[in-house]
Amino acid sequence: MRPFILCAAIAAAIVVPMATASASVVMNATRYVYPAAASEITVKVSNVGKVPALMQAWIDDGDAKATPETVNVPFNLTPPIARIEAGKAQTLRISFTGGDLPTDRESVFWLNVLEVPPKPAEGTANSHLQLALRYRMKLFYRPSTLKGAAESAPANLAWSRDGTGLVVRNDSDFHVAVNALTVKAARADVELEPFSIDAHASRSVPAGDTALPSDATTIHFQTINDYGGFVEHDAKLVP
């Protein structure tokens, strides 16, 4: 099948979290790290279904609407299109092609994998619904000159109040993904929405319609490490 046929399905594809998707095509991780010193990294894509699956893969720089024809990233991915037989796997190879990326912090890209279901067999009912499932997973380009370690970055986040919500500052060289966040208080805890924060960046974390308790002094949060695992943390809330 020619590339443009698959690309036409991208706009109608359902973007789903890896943990909740029900599909034939599955990946061997939920995030990938590209060390600057590596010549390439590999991604294993398996077909756990009972019929062949058609897959297309590409990398974007954060624009979820980008297509394989419009992306402009410093990576080469092969093969971009593959047919995976039932019970088999396909290895994707990602190599860095060079570019002017920062050397004092991680850069974040996204690996997209689109699964297009096979056509129904002849003789089946004319009315049917086919959905193309698309997964987006973070791809971190990690320079070898970074200070500290990725696993230490969450503990060094600085938390402070900002009106009814929070401000979090990340002075580390690493991206941090917060999967769960609770502001602890004597009267009642307040749960805030998950978020991600880039290296050397600050961002607001709104509390929604619930104002933070005045006696709140502690933050409990959960982050996602390089292997997709969850790590628990506690931090002080600066008034």
C-alpha atoms as a PDB file:
ATOM      1  CA  MET A   1       0.000   0.000   0.000  1.00  0.00           C
ATOM      2  CA  ARG A   2       1.360   3.419  -0.908  1.00  0.00           C
ATOM      3  CA  PRO A   3       2.126   5.936   1.891  1.00  0.00           C
ATOM      4  CA  PHE A   4      -0.564   8.476   0.968  1.00  0.00           C
ATOM      5  CA  ILE A   5      -3.311   5.893   1.479  1.00  0.00           C
ATOM      6  CA  LEU A   6      -2.293   5.442   5.091  1.00  0.00           C
ATOM      7  CA  CYS A   7      -1.859   9.155   5.652  1.00  0.00           C
ATOM      8  CA  ALA A   8      -5.466   9.756   4.706  1.00  0.00           C
ATOM      9  CA  ALA A   9      -6.479   7.733   7.746  1.00  0.00           C
ATOM     10  CA  ILE A  10      -4.498   9.845  10.193  1.00  0.00           C
ATOM     11  CA  ALA A  11      -7.073  12.619  10.447  1.00  0.00           C
ATOM     12  CA  ALA A  12      -9.759  10.100  11.389  1.00  0.00           C
ATOM     13  CA  ALA A  13      -7.569   8.077  13.720  1.00  0.00           C
ATOM     14  CA  ILE A  14      -8.374   7.854  17.398  1.00  0.00           C
ATOM     15  CA  VAL A  15      -5.433   8.908  19.585  1.00  0.00           C
ATOM     16  CA  VAL A  16      -5.432   6.669  22.632  1.00  0.00           C
ATOM     17  CA  PRO A  17      -3.246   6.149  25.724  1.00  0.00           C
ATOM     18  CA  MET A  18      -1.095   3.061  25.538  1.00  0.00           C
ATOM     19  CA  ALA A  19      -2.463   1.632  28.788  1.00  0.00           C
ATOM     20  CA  THR A  20      -6.129   1.828  27.774  1.00  0.00           C
ATOM     21  CA  ALA A  21      -6.060   0.913  24.118  1.00  0.00           C
ATOM     22  CA  SER A  22      -7.511  -2.334  22.837  1.00  0.00           C
ATOM     23  CA  ALA A  23      -5.659  -3.076  19.618  1.00  0.00           C
ATOM     24  CA  SER A  24      -3.610  -5.668  17.801  1.00  0.00           C
ATOM     25  CA  VAL A  25      -0.442  -3.590  17.580  1.00  0.00           C
ATOM     26  CA  VAL A  26       1.453  -2.993  20.831  1.00  0.00           C
ATOM     27  CA  MET A  27       4.813  -1.394  21.620  1.00  0.00           C
ATOM     28  CA  ASN A  28       7.490  -2.589  24.023  1.00  0.00           C
ATOM     29  CA  ALA A  29       7.508   0.677  26.011  1.00  0.00           C
ATOM     30  CA  THR A  30       5.459   3.809  26.655  1.00  0.00           C
ATOM     31  CA  ARG A  31       8.378   6.238  26.239  1.00  0.00           C
ATOM     32  CA  TYR A  32      11.791   6.144  24.664  1.00  0.00           C
ATOM     33  CA  VAL A  33      15.131   7.820  25.425  1.00  0.00           C
ATOM     34  CA  TYR A  34      17.661   8.565  22.709  1.00  0.00           C
ATOM     35  CA  PRO A  35      21.133   9.041  24.275  1.00  0.00           C
ATOM     36  CA  ALA A  36      23.165  11.504  22.219  1.00  0.00           C
ATOM     37  CA  ALA A  37      26.061   9.048  21.999  1.00  0.00           C
ATOM     38  CA  ALA A  38      23.900   6.298  20.466  1.00  0.00           C
ATOM     39  CA  SER A  39      24.058   5.517  16.757  1.00  0.00           C
ATOM     40  CA  GLU A  40      20.424   4.374  16.891  1.00  0.00           C
ATOM     41  CA  ILE A  41      17.702   3.042  19.172  1.00  0.00           C
ATOM     42  CA  THR A  42      15.153   0.362  18.375  1.00  0.00           C
ATOM     43  CA  VAL A  43      11.436   0.049  19.054  1.00  0.00           C
ATOM     44  CA  LYS A  44       9.699  -3.319  18.976  1.00  0.00           C
ATOM     45  CA  VAL A  45       6.180  -3.312  17.559  1.00  0.00           C
ATOM     46  CA  SER A  46       4.249  -6.561  18.011  1.00  0.00           C
ATOM     47  CA  ASN A  47       1.019  -7.795  16.475  1.00  0.00           C
ATOM     48  CA  VAL A  48      -0.843  -9.712  19.189  1.00  0.00           C
ATOM     49  CA  GLY A  49      -3.948 -10.066  17.029  1.00  0.00           C
ATOM     50  CA  LYS A  50      -5.103 -12.968  14.892  1.00  0.00           C
ATOM     51  CA  VAL A  51      -4.879 -11.208  11.522  1.00  0.00           C
ATOM     52  CA  PRO A  52      -2.125  -9.200   9.779  1.00  0.00           C
ATOM     53  CA  ALA A  53      -1.849  -5.528  10.741  1.00  0.00           C
ATOM     54  CA  LEU A  54      -0.686  -2.545   8.709  1.00  0.00           C
ATOM     55  CA  MET A  55       1.373   0.018  10.600  1.00  0.00           C
ATOM     56  CA  GLN A  56       2.754   3.467   9.828  1.00  0.00           C
ATOM     57  CA  ALA A  57       5.206   5.278  12.109  1.00  0.00           C
ATOM     58  CA  TRP A  58       6.637   8.800  12.203  1.00  0.00           C
ATOM     59  CA  ILE A  59       8.101  11.321  14.650  1.00  0.00           C
ATOM     60  CA  ASP A  60       6.847  14.853  15.307  1.00  0.00           C
ATOM     61  CA  ASP A  61       8.065  17.715  17.483  1.00  0.00           C
ATOM     62  CA  GLY A  62       4.841  18.215  19.442  1.00  0.00           C
ATOM     63  CA  ASP A  63       2.282  19.045  16.763  1.00  0.00           C
ATOM     64  CA  ALA A  64      -0.286  16.256  17.051  1.00  0.00           C
ATOM     65  CA  LYS A  65      -1.814  17.295  13.718  1.00  0.00           C
ATOM     66  CA  ALA A  66       1.438  16.886  11.798  1.00  0.00           C
ATOM     67  CA  THR A  67       1.537  14.161   9.152  1.00  0.00           C
ATOM     68  CA  PRO A  68       4.520  12.143   7.899  1.00  0.00           C
ATOM     69  CA  GLU A  69       4.723  14.531   4.918  1.00  0.00           C
ATOM     70  CA  THR A  70       4.807  17.720   6.994  1.00  0.00           C
ATOM     71  CA  VAL A  71       7.073  16.794   9.918  1.00  0.00           C
ATOM     72  CA  ASN A  72      10.574  18.215  10.095  1.00  0.00           C
ATOM     73  CA  VAL A  73      12.563  16.469  12.807  1.00  0.00           C
ATOM     74  CA  PRO A  74      16.251  15.469  13.118  1.00  0.00           C
ATOM     75  CA  PHE A  75      15.512  11.746  13.109  1.00  0.00           C
ATOM     76  CA  ASN A  76      15.309   8.997  10.544  1.00  0.00           C
ATOM     77  CA  LEU A  77      12.837   6.167  11.214  1.00  0.00           C
ATOM     78  CA  THR A  78      12.800   2.890   9.291  1.00  0.00           C
ATOM     79  CA  PRO A  79      10.671   1.270   8.125  1.00  0.00           C
ATOM     80  CA  PRO A  80       7.991   3.984   8.083  1.00  0.00           C
ATOM     81  CA  ILE A  81       5.389   1.491   6.868  1.00  0.00           C
ATOM     82  CA  ALA A  82       5.193  -2.218   7.581  1.00  0.00           C
ATOM     83  CA  ARG A  83       2.825  -5.152   7.419  1.00  0.00           C
ATOM     84  CA  ILE A  84       3.072  -7.243  10.575  1.00  0.00           C
ATOM     85  CA  GLU A  85       1.794 -10.784  10.439  1.00  0.00           C
ATOM     86  CA  ALA A  86      -0.309 -12.137  13.298  1.00  0.00           C
ATOM     87  CA  GLY A  87       1.861 -13.154  16.234  1.00  0.00           C
ATOM     88  CA  LYS A  88       4.957 -11.509  14.734  1.00  0.00           C
ATOM     89  CA  ALA A  89       6.915  -8.334  15.480  1.00  0.00           C
ATOM     90  CA  GLN A  90       8.573  -5.511  13.568  1.00  0.00           C
ATOM     91  CA  THR A  91      11.636  -3.588  14.748  1.00  0.00           C
ATOM     92  CA  LEU A  92      11.665   0.163  14.118  1.00  0.00           C
ATOM     93  CA  ARG A  93      15.090   1.807  13.976  1.00  0.00           C
ATOM     94  CA  ILE A  94      15.464   5.445  14.952  1.00  0.00           C
ATOM     95  CA  SER A  95      18.682   7.343  14.216  1.00  0.00           C
ATOM     96  CA  PHE A  96      19.609  10.956  14.903  1.00  0.00           C
ATOM     97  CA  THR A  97      20.459  12.837  11.716  1.00  0.00           C
ATOM     98  CA  GLY A  98      22.032  15.850  13.404  1.00  0.00           C
ATOM     99  CA  GLY A  99      20.720  19.289  14.159  1.00  0.00           C
ATOM    100  CA  ASP A 100      21.008  22.311  16.393  1.00  0.00           C
ATOM    101  CA  LEU A 101      19.385  20.877  19.519  1.00  0.00           C
ATOM    102  CA  PRO A 102      20.142  22.272  22.993  1.00  0.00           C
ATOM    103  CA  THR A 103      23.019  20.582  24.799  1.00  0.00           C
ATOM    104  CA  ASP A 104      22.048  21.769  28.297  1.00  0.00           C
ATOM    105  CA  ARG A 105      18.640  20.060  28.468  1.00  0.00           C
ATOM    106  CA  GLU A 106      16.517  17.274  27.036  1.00  0.00           C
ATOM    107  CA  SER A 107      14.513  17.839  23.877  1.00  0.00           C
ATOM    108  CA  VAL A 108      11.103  16.192  23.626  1.00  0.00           C
ATOM    109  CA  PHE A 109       9.681  14.639  20.460  1.00  0.00           C
ATOM    110  CA  TRP A 110       6.789  12.244  19.852  1.00  0.00           C
ATOM    111  CA  LEU A 111       6.783   8.815  18.246  1.00  0.00           C
ATOM    112  CA  ASN A 112       3.520   8.091  16.421  1.00  0.00           C
ATOM    113  CA  VAL A 113       2.357   4.602  15.509  1.00  0.00           C
ATOM    114  CA  LEU A 114      -0.794   4.259  13.416  1.00  0.00           C
ATOM    115  CA  GLU A 115      -2.531   0.893  13.126  1.00  0.00           C
ATOM    116  CA  VAL A 116      -4.892   0.481  10.191  1.00  0.00           C
ATOM    117  CA  PRO A 117      -7.234  -2.531  10.497  1.00  0.00           C
ATOM    118  CA  PRO A 118      -7.591  -4.919   7.545  1.00  0.00           C
ATOM    119  CA  LYS A 119     -10.626  -4.734   5.294  1.00  0.00           C
ATOM    120  CA  PRO A 120     -13.512  -7.056   6.215  1.00  0.00           C
ATOM    121  CA  ALA A 121     -13.548 -10.353   4.376  1.00  0.00           C
ATOM    122  CA  GLU A 122     -15.732 -10.580   1.300  1.00  0.00           C
ATOM    123  CA  GLY A 123     -19.233 -11.780   2.016  1.00  0.00           C
ATOM    124  CA  THR A 124     -19.497 -10.062   5.407  1.00  0.00           C
ATOM    125  CA  ALA A 125     -22.154  -7.465   6.203  1.00  0.00           C
ATOM    126  CA  ASN A 126     -21.912  -4.226   4.239  1.00  0.00           C
ATOM    127  CA  SER A 127     -22.378  -2.083   7.336  1.00  0.00           C
ATOM    128  CA  HIS A 128     -19.285  -2.006   9.496  1.00  0.00           C
ATOM    129  CA  LEU A 129     -17.148   0.478  11.420  1.00  0.00           C
ATOM    130  CA  GLN A 130     -13.375   0.479  11.159  1.00  0.00           C
ATOM    131  CA  LEU A 131     -11.207   2.617  13.414  1.00  0.00           C
ATOM    132  CA  ALA A 132      -7.553   3.429  12.893  1.00  0.00           C
ATOM    133  CA  LEU A 133      -5.788   3.603  16.254  1.00  0.00           C
ATOM    134  CA  ARG A 134      -2.896   5.989  16.676  1.00  0.00           C
ATOM    135  CA  TYR A 135      -0.483   5.986  19.608  1.00  0.00           C
ATOM    136  CA  ARG A 136       1.760   8.922  20.574  1.00  0.00           C
ATOM    137  CA  MET A 137       4.699   8.204  22.859  1.00  0.00           C
ATOM    138  CA  LYS A 138       7.340  10.614  24.095  1.00  0.00           C
ATOM    139  CA  LEU A 139      10.813  10.393  22.622  1.00  0.00           C
ATOM    140  CA  PHE A 140      13.509  12.173  24.633  1.00  0.00           C
ATOM    141  CA  TYR A 141      16.763  13.264  23.031  1.00  0.00           C
ATOM    142  CA  ARG A 142      19.226  13.255  25.940  1.00  0.00           C
ATOM    143  CA  PRO A 143      22.592  15.020  25.481  1.00  0.00           C
ATOM    144  CA  SER A 144      25.586  13.437  27.203  1.00  0.00           C
ATOM    145  CA  THR A 145      26.532  16.781  28.784  1.00  0.00           C
ATOM    146  CA  LEU A 146      23.509  17.015  31.092  1.00  0.00           C
ATOM    147  CA  LYS A 147      24.093  17.525  34.800  1.00  0.00           C
ATOM    148  CA  GLY A 148      22.564  15.211  37.379  1.00  0.00           C
ATOM    149  CA  ALA A 149      20.306  12.255  36.659  1.00  0.00           C
ATOM    150  CA  ALA A 150      16.789  11.986  35.276  1.00  0.00           C
ATOM    151  CA  GLU A 151      15.571  10.062  38.324  1.00  0.00           C
ATOM    152  CA  SER A 152      16.634  12.930  40.618  1.00  0.00           C
ATOM    153  CA  ALA A 153      14.792  15.669  38.723  1.00  0.00           C
ATOM    154  CA  PRO A 154      11.322  15.210  40.328  1.00  0.00           C
ATOM    155  CA  ALA A 155      12.693  15.615  43.848  1.00  0.00           C
ATOM    156  CA  ASN A 156      14.166  18.989  42.879  1.00  0.00           C
ATOM    157  CA  LEU A 157      10.928  20.545  41.611  1.00  0.00           C
ATOM    158  CA  ALA A 158      10.032  23.748  43.473  1.00  0.00           C
ATOM    159  CA  TRP A 159       6.358  24.263  44.395  1.00  0.00           C
ATOM    160  CA  SER A 160       4.683  27.536  45.371  1.00  0.00           C
ATOM    161  CA  ARG A 161       1.218  29.077  45.471  1.00  0.00           C
ATOM    162  CA  ASP A 162      -0.198  31.129  42.630  1.00  0.00           C
ATOM    163  CA  GLY A 163      -3.620  32.528  43.447  1.00  0.00           C
ATOM    164  CA  THR A 164      -5.873  29.508  43.824  1.00  0.00           C
ATOM    165  CA  GLY A 165      -3.423  27.128  42.145  1.00  0.00           C
ATOM    166  CA  LEU A 166       0.259  26.247  42.084  1.00  0.00           C
ATOM    167  CA  VAL A 167       3.413  27.210  40.253  1.00  0.00           C
ATOM    168  CA  VAL A 168       6.032  24.528  39.718  1.00  0.00           C
ATOM    169  CA  ARG A 169       9.601  25.279  38.668  1.00  0.00           C
ATOM    170  CA  ASN A 170      11.939  22.731  37.109  1.00  0.00           C
ATOM    171  CA  ASP A 171      15.567  23.841  37.291  1.00  0.00           C
ATOM    172  CA  SER A 172      16.914  20.463  36.179  1.00  0.00           C
ATOM    173  CA  ASP A 173      18.164  19.451  32.740  1.00  0.00           C
ATOM    174  CA  PHE A 174      15.409  16.837  32.432  1.00  0.00           C
ATOM    175  CA  HIS A 175      11.755  16.740  31.418  1.00  0.00           C
ATOM    176  CA  VAL A 176       9.395  15.645  34.228  1.00  0.00           C
ATOM    177  CA  ALA A 177       5.977  13.999  33.739  1.00  0.00           C
ATOM    178  CA  VAL A 178       3.658  14.249  36.757  1.00  0.00           C
ATOM    179  CA  ASN A 179       1.037  11.516  36.581  1.00  0.00           C
ATOM    180  CA  ALA A 180      -0.842  12.369  39.799  1.00  0.00           C
ATOM    181  CA  LEU A 181      -0.769  15.345  42.165  1.00  0.00           C
ATOM    182  CA  THR A 182      -2.353  15.899  45.585  1.00  0.00           C
ATOM    183  CA  VAL A 183      -2.100  18.946  47.829  1.00  0.00           C
ATOM    184  CA  LYS A 184      -2.230  17.695  51.423  1.00  0.00           C
ATOM    185  CA  ALA A 185      -4.095  19.682  54.085  1.00  0.00           C
ATOM    186  CA  ALA A 186      -5.602  19.054  57.520  1.00  0.00           C
ATOM    187  CA  ARG A 187      -9.185  19.675  56.413  1.00  0.00           C
ATOM    188  CA  ALA A 188      -9.200  18.022  53.003  1.00  0.00           C
ATOM    189  CA  ASP A 189      -6.785  17.009  50.275  1.00  0.00           C
ATOM    190  CA  VAL A 190      -7.077  18.575  46.823  1.00  0.00           C
ATOM    191  CA  GLU A 191      -6.255  16.589  43.697  1.00  0.00           C
ATOM    192  CA  LEU A 192      -4.916  18.476  40.677  1.00  0.00           C
ATOM    193  CA  GLU A 193      -4.639  17.430  37.044  1.00  0.00           C
ATOM    194  CA  PRO A 194      -1.546  15.596  35.709  1.00  0.00           C
ATOM    195  CA  PHE A 195       0.936  17.611  33.658  1.00  0.00           C
ATOM    196  CA  SER A 196       4.420  17.639  32.167  1.00  0.00           C
ATOM    197  CA  ILE A 197       7.101  20.272  32.551  1.00  0.00           C
ATOM    198  CA  ASP A 198      10.126  20.866  30.354  1.00  0.00           C
ATOM    199  CA  ALA A 199      13.667  21.254  31.612  1.00  0.00           C
ATOM    200  CA  HIS A 200      14.529  24.740  32.921  1.00  0.00           C
ATOM    201  CA  ALA A 201      10.898  25.840  32.799  1.00  0.00           C
ATOM    202  CA  SER A 202       8.067  27.009  35.043  1.00  0.00           C
ATOM    203  CA  ARG A 203       4.351  26.478  34.649  1.00  0.00           C
ATOM    204  CA  SER A 204       1.070  27.052  36.438  1.00  0.00           C
ATOM    205  CA  VAL A 205      -1.004  24.165  37.754  1.00  0.00           C
ATOM    206  CA  PRO A 206      -4.610  25.369  38.178  1.00  0.00           C
ATOM    207  CA  ALA A 207      -6.745  24.035  41.000  1.00  0.00           C
ATOM    208  CA  GLY A 208      -9.962  24.418  39.034  1.00  0.00           C
ATOM    209  CA  ASP A 209     -13.007  25.461  41.032  1.00  0.00           C
ATOM    210  CA  THR A 210     -11.483  24.326  44.321  1.00  0.00           C
ATOM    211  CA  ALA A 211      -9.252  26.804  46.125  1.00  0.00           C
ATOM    212  CA  LEU A 212      -6.228  25.345  47.857  1.00  0.00           C
ATOM    213  CA  PRO A 213      -6.642  25.108  51.653  1.00  0.00           C
ATOM    214  CA  SER A 214      -4.812  27.830  53.540  1.00  0.00           C
ATOM    215  CA  ASP A 215      -3.118  25.263  55.773  1.00  0.00           C
ATOM    216  CA  ALA A 216      -1.737  23.190  52.881  1.00  0.00           C
ATOM    217  CA  THR A 217       2.019  22.726  53.257  1.00  0.00           C
ATOM    218  CA  THR A 218       2.768  19.406  51.550  1.00  0.00           C
ATOM    219  CA  ILE A 219       2.610  18.114  47.986  1.00  0.00           C
ATOM    220  CA  HIS A 220       2.339  14.409  47.190  1.00  0.00           C
ATOM    221  CA  PHE A 221       2.930  13.555  43.558  1.00  0.00           C
ATOM    222  CA  GLN A 222       3.663  10.653  41.259  1.00  0.00           C
ATOM    223  CA  THR A 223       6.008  10.809  38.281  1.00  0.00           C
ATOM    224  CA  ILE A 224       6.770   8.513  35.358  1.00  0.00           C
ATOM    225  CA  ASN A 225      10.363   7.331  34.999  1.00  0.00           C
ATOM    226  CA  ASP A 226      12.335   6.317  31.899  1.00  0.00           C
ATOM    227  CA  TYR A 227      10.869   2.822  32.023  1.00  0.00           C
ATOM    228  CA  GLY A 228       7.228   3.865  32.297  1.00  0.00           C
ATOM    229  CA  GLY A 229       7.108   3.062  36.013  1.00  0.00           C
ATOM    230  CA  PHE A 230       5.446   5.236  38.650  1.00  0.00           C
ATOM    231  CA  VAL A 231       7.531   6.850  41.410  1.00  0.00           C
ATOM    232  CA  GLU A 232       6.045   8.515  44.510  1.00  0.00           C
ATOM    233  CA  HIS A 233       7.358  11.802  45.943  1.00  0.00           C
ATOM    234  CA  ASP A 234       6.610  14.296  48.710  1.00  0.00           C
ATOM    235  CA  ALA A 235       7.582  17.960  48.634  1.00  0.00           C
ATOM    236  CA  LYS A 236       7.097  21.130  50.650  1.00  0.00           C
ATOM    237  CA  LEU A 237       4.761  23.826  49.414  1.00  0.00           C
ATOM    238  CA  VAL A 238       6.293  27.286  49.690  1.00  0.00           C
ATOM    239  CA  PRO A 239       3.725  29.894  50.813  1.00  0.00           C
END
